[in-house]
Amino acid sequence: MYHPPYERILGDAENLTEERVDEVLNEFLKDIKEGCLERKGWPKVLGAYIISKAAMNAYTKLLLKSTLLYAICSIAAS
């Protein structure tokens, strides 16, 4: 099964960093401006929503790794 690069990066909790999340988001924005989302493997439908949700989940994972004093809640609507 094919997994676009953003899924591999944002789903890799062990190697996830804030910089890597930022790189994915910046690449997405660049590809929007250049009009090459589909060619680069980004979601065809609701792309901005999907990428922003994946990034929010990734940032939540990073926050969880960085603190032991707080409870972190992340809710999936599906």
Protein backbone atom coordinates (compact mmCIF):
# COMPACT_ATOMS: atom_id res chain seq x y z
CA MET A 1 0.00 0.00 0.00
CA TYR A 2 1.34 3.44 -0.96
CA HIS A 3 1.81 5.96 1.83
CA PRO A 4 2.61 9.52 0.78
CA PRO A 5 5.78 11.00 2.29
CA TYR A 6 3.82 13.22 4.68
CA GLU A 7 2.20 10.14 6.24
CA ARG A 8 5.57 8.48 6.79
CA ILE A 9 7.04 11.61 8.36
CA LEU A 10 4.09 12.62 10.54
CA GLY A 11 3.36 9.03 11.54
CA ASP A 12 6.92 8.28 12.66
CA ALA A 13 6.56 9.08 16.38
CA GLU A 14 10.09 7.93 17.24
CA ASN A 15 11.83 10.35 14.84
CA LEU A 16 9.26 13.13 14.89
CA THR A 17 10.51 16.66 15.54
CA GLU A 18 8.89 20.06 15.32
CA GLU A 19 11.21 20.88 12.43
CA ARG A 20 10.04 17.84 10.45
CA VAL A 21 6.38 18.79 10.97
CA ASP A 22 7.18 22.35 9.86
CA GLU A 23 8.95 20.97 6.76
CA VAL A 24 5.86 18.99 5.77
CA LEU A 25 3.59 22.00 6.23
CA ASN A 26 5.94 24.31 4.31
CA GLU A 27 6.19 21.78 1.47
CA PHE A 28 2.38 21.54 1.35
CA LEU A 29 2.05 25.33 1.15
CA LYS A 30 4.72 25.52 -1.56
CA ASP A 31 2.96 22.83 -3.60
CA ILE A 32 -0.38 24.65 -3.25
CA LYS A 33 1.21 27.81 -4.67
CA GLU A 34 2.80 25.86 -7.53
CA GLY A 35 -0.42 23.94 -8.25
CA CYS A 36 1.16 20.51 -8.01
CA LEU A 37 -0.65 18.89 -5.07
CA GLU A 38 -1.97 15.87 -6.95
CA ARG A 39 1.31 15.21 -8.75
CA LYS A 40 3.19 15.26 -5.43
CA GLY A 41 0.79 12.81 -3.75
CA TRP A 42 -1.08 15.15 -1.44
CA PRO A 43 -4.75 14.35 -0.68
CA LYS A 44 -7.06 15.20 -3.57
CA VAL A 45 -10.12 15.95 -1.45
CA LEU A 46 -10.05 18.09 1.72
CA GLY A 47 -6.25 18.26 1.53
CA ALA A 48 -5.83 21.28 3.79
CA TYR A 49 -8.07 19.74 6.45
CA ILE A 50 -6.30 16.37 6.31
CA ILE A 51 -2.81 17.86 6.48
CA SER A 52 -3.70 20.32 9.26
CA LYS A 53 -5.30 17.52 11.31
CA ALA A 54 -2.26 15.27 10.80
CA ALA A 55 0.04 18.12 11.81
CA MET A 56 -2.04 18.87 14.90
CA ASN A 57 -1.83 15.21 15.91
CA ALA A 58 1.94 15.26 15.33
CA TYR A 59 2.38 18.41 17.44
CA THR A 60 0.27 16.76 20.17
CA LYS A 61 2.61 13.74 20.13
CA LEU A 62 5.60 16.06 20.43
CA LEU A 63 4.01 17.90 23.34
CA LEU A 64 3.31 14.61 25.06
CA LYS A 65 6.95 13.53 24.64
CA SER A 66 8.21 16.82 26.07
CA THR A 67 6.22 16.92 29.30
CA LEU A 68 5.36 14.59 32.13
CA LEU A 69 3.41 17.07 34.22
CA TYR A 70 0.37 17.60 32.05
CA ALA A 71 -2.40 15.47 30.65
CA ILE A 72 -2.66 15.81 26.88
CA CYS A 73 -6.01 15.11 25.18
CA SER A 74 -6.50 14.63 21.47
CA ILE A 75 -9.91 13.70 20.13
CA ALA A 76 -10.59 12.15 16.74
CA ALA A 77 -14.02 13.06 15.44
CA SER A 78 -14.30 9.88 13.42
